[in-house]
C-alpha atoms as a PDB file:
ATOM      1  CA  MET A   1      51.668 -50.990 -48.000  1.00  0.00           C
ATOM      2  CA  GLU A   2      48.745 -49.119 -46.465  1.00  0.00           C
ATOM      3  CA  LYS A   3      48.321 -48.110 -42.876  1.00  0.00           C
ATOM      4  CA  PHE A   4      45.989 -45.118 -43.185  1.00  0.00           C
ATOM      5  CA  SER A   5      45.484 -44.443 -46.887  1.00  0.00           C
ATOM      6  CA  GLU A   6      42.670 -41.947 -46.240  1.00  0.00           C
ATOM      7  CA  LEU A   7      45.197 -39.483 -44.812  1.00  0.00           C
ATOM      8  CA  GLU A   8      46.437 -38.419 -48.242  1.00  0.00           C
ATOM      9  CA  SER A   9      42.974 -37.127 -49.170  1.00  0.00           C
ATOM     10  CA  ILE A  10      42.737 -35.121 -45.924  1.00  0.00           C
ATOM     11  CA  ILE A  11      46.200 -33.539 -45.816  1.00  0.00           C
ATOM     12  CA  LEU A  12      47.043 -32.274 -49.291  1.00  0.00           C
ATOM     13  CA  ASN A  13      50.250 -30.375 -48.519  1.00  0.00           C
ATOM     14  CA  PRO A  14      53.139 -32.863 -48.966  1.00  0.00           C
ATOM     15  CA  ILE A  15      55.232 -31.413 -46.122  1.00  0.00           C
ATOM     16  CA  ASP A  16      52.328 -31.418 -43.674  1.00  0.00           C
ATOM     17  CA  PHE A  17      51.492 -34.939 -44.832  1.00  0.00           C
ATOM     18  CA  ALA A  18      55.042 -36.204 -44.248  1.00  0.00           C
ATOM     19  CA  ARG A  19      55.264 -34.547 -40.833  1.00  0.00           C
ATOM     20  CA  THR A  20      51.898 -36.000 -39.814  1.00  0.00           C
ATOM     21  CA  VAL A  21      52.786 -39.506 -41.013  1.00  0.00           C
ATOM     22  CA  LYS A  22      55.925 -39.372 -38.866  1.00  0.00           C
ATOM     23  CA  VAL A  23      53.855 -38.479 -35.797  1.00  0.00           C
ATOM     24  CA  ILE A  24      51.108 -41.034 -36.386  1.00  0.00           C
ATOM     25  CA  GLY A  25      53.531 -43.778 -37.382  1.00  0.00           C
ATOM     26  CA  ASN A  26      52.034 -47.186 -36.717  1.00  0.00           C
ATOM     27  CA  ALA A  27      49.527 -45.962 -34.145  1.00  0.00           C
ATOM     28  CA  SER A  28      46.398 -47.949 -33.467  1.00  0.00           C
ATOM     29  CA  GLY A  29      43.294 -47.310 -31.440  1.00  0.00           C
ATOM     30  CA  ASP A  30      42.987 -43.805 -30.006  1.00  0.00           C
ATOM     31  CA  ILE A  31      45.406 -41.468 -31.781  1.00  0.00           C
ATOM     32  CA  SER A  32      44.519 -38.335 -29.812  1.00  0.00           C
ATOM     33  CA  ARG A  33      47.795 -38.388 -27.871  1.00  0.00           C
ATOM     34  CA  HIS A  34      49.700 -38.474 -31.161  1.00  0.00           C
ATOM     35  CA  LEU A  35      47.658 -35.650 -32.641  1.00  0.00           C
ATOM     36  CA  GLU A  36      48.344 -33.443 -29.603  1.00  0.00           C
ATOM     37  CA  GLN A  37      51.901 -33.110 -30.981  1.00  0.00           C
ATOM     38  CA  ILE A  38      50.663 -31.674 -34.273  1.00  0.00           C
ATOM     39  CA  ASN A  39      50.507 -27.888 -34.264  1.00  0.00           C
ATOM     40  CA  TRP A  40      50.818 -27.291 -38.023  1.00  0.00           C
ATOM     41  CA  LEU A  41      47.295 -28.399 -38.956  1.00  0.00           C
ATOM     42  CA  PRO A  42      44.018 -26.604 -38.270  1.00  0.00           C
ATOM     43  CA  ASN A  43      41.755 -28.151 -35.635  1.00  0.00           C
ATOM     44  CA  SER A  44      39.153 -28.982 -38.284  1.00  0.00           C
ATOM     45  CA  THR A  45      41.738 -31.057 -40.164  1.00  0.00           C
ATOM     46  CA  LEU A  46      42.799 -32.820 -36.968  1.00  0.00           C
ATOM     47  CA  MET A  47      39.144 -33.691 -36.336  1.00  0.00           C
ATOM     48  CA  SER A  48      38.878 -35.140 -39.859  1.00  0.00           C
ATOM     49  CA  VAL A  49      42.045 -37.163 -39.282  1.00  0.00           C
ATOM     50  CA  THR A  50      40.649 -38.540 -36.003  1.00  0.00           C
ATOM     51  CA  VAL A  51      37.304 -39.533 -37.503  1.00  0.00           C
ATOM     52  CA  SER A  52      38.848 -41.071 -40.612  1.00  0.00           C
ATOM     53  CA  PHE A  53      41.472 -42.931 -38.599  1.00  0.00           C
ATOM     54  CA  SER A  54      38.798 -44.529 -36.419  1.00  0.00           C
ATOM     55  CA  ALA A  55      37.034 -45.838 -39.539  1.00  0.00           C
ATOM     56  CA  SER A  56      40.197 -46.848 -41.415  1.00  0.00           C
ATOM     57  CA  THR A  57      40.636 -50.472 -42.384  1.00  0.00           C
ATOM     58  CA  GLY A  58      44.384 -50.213 -42.995  1.00  0.00           C
ATOM     59  CA  ARG A  59      46.802 -52.723 -41.524  1.00  0.00           C
ATOM     60  CA  GLN A  60      49.792 -52.287 -39.232  1.00  0.00           C
ATOM     61  CA  LEU A  61      53.050 -51.837 -41.100  1.00  0.00           C
ATOM     62  CA  THR A  62      55.935 -54.153 -40.418  1.00  0.00           C
ATOM     63  CA  GLU A  63      58.949 -52.594 -38.712  1.00  0.00           C
ATOM     64  CA  LYS A  64      60.795 -52.635 -42.036  1.00  0.00           C
ATOM     65  CA  GLU A  65      57.897 -50.963 -43.870  1.00  0.00           C
ATOM     66  CA  LEU A  66      57.503 -48.315 -41.181  1.00  0.00           C
ATOM     67  CA  ALA A  67      61.237 -47.556 -41.224  1.00  0.00           C
ATOM     68  CA  GLU A  68      61.071 -47.108 -45.002  1.00  0.00           C
ATOM     69  CA  VAL A  69      58.053 -44.775 -44.745  1.00  0.00           C
ATOM     70  CA  ILE A  70      59.758 -42.688 -42.048  1.00  0.00           C
ATOM     71  CA  LYS A  71      62.940 -42.522 -44.136  1.00  0.00           C
ATOM     72  CA  HIS A  72      60.998 -41.146 -47.095  1.00  0.00           C
ATOM     73  CA  CYS A  73      59.112 -38.676 -44.902  1.00  0.00           C
ATOM     74  CA  ASP A  74      62.431 -37.420 -43.538  1.00  0.00           C
ATOM     75  CA  GLU A  75      63.697 -36.968 -47.093  1.00  0.00           C
ATOM     76  CA  VAL A  76      60.625 -34.955 -48.127  1.00  0.00           C
ATOM     77  CA  ILE A  77      60.977 -32.756 -45.060  1.00  0.00           C
ATOM     78  CA  ARG A  78      64.714 -32.326 -45.633  1.00  0.00           C
ATOM     79  CA  LEU A  79      64.180 -31.328 -49.250  1.00  0.00           C
ATOM     80  CA  ASP A  80      61.734 -28.646 -48.148  1.00  0.00           C
END
């Protein structure tokens, strides 16, 4: 299950990663409107996310897969 596998090499902090995954979700195309919601990452990291996302070859997640990913992100955030 891979939507944007490159993200894990850009955002190394697990909490920031989980929060960012929740915001990006199953986005496609231009993700700038999603990234506007992210205020916990430096601008340089957001730029890296944007560039990498545009070159990503990942696939859309099914609704079930996305729900499972979001559930796990929520758990990571809750445990923090």
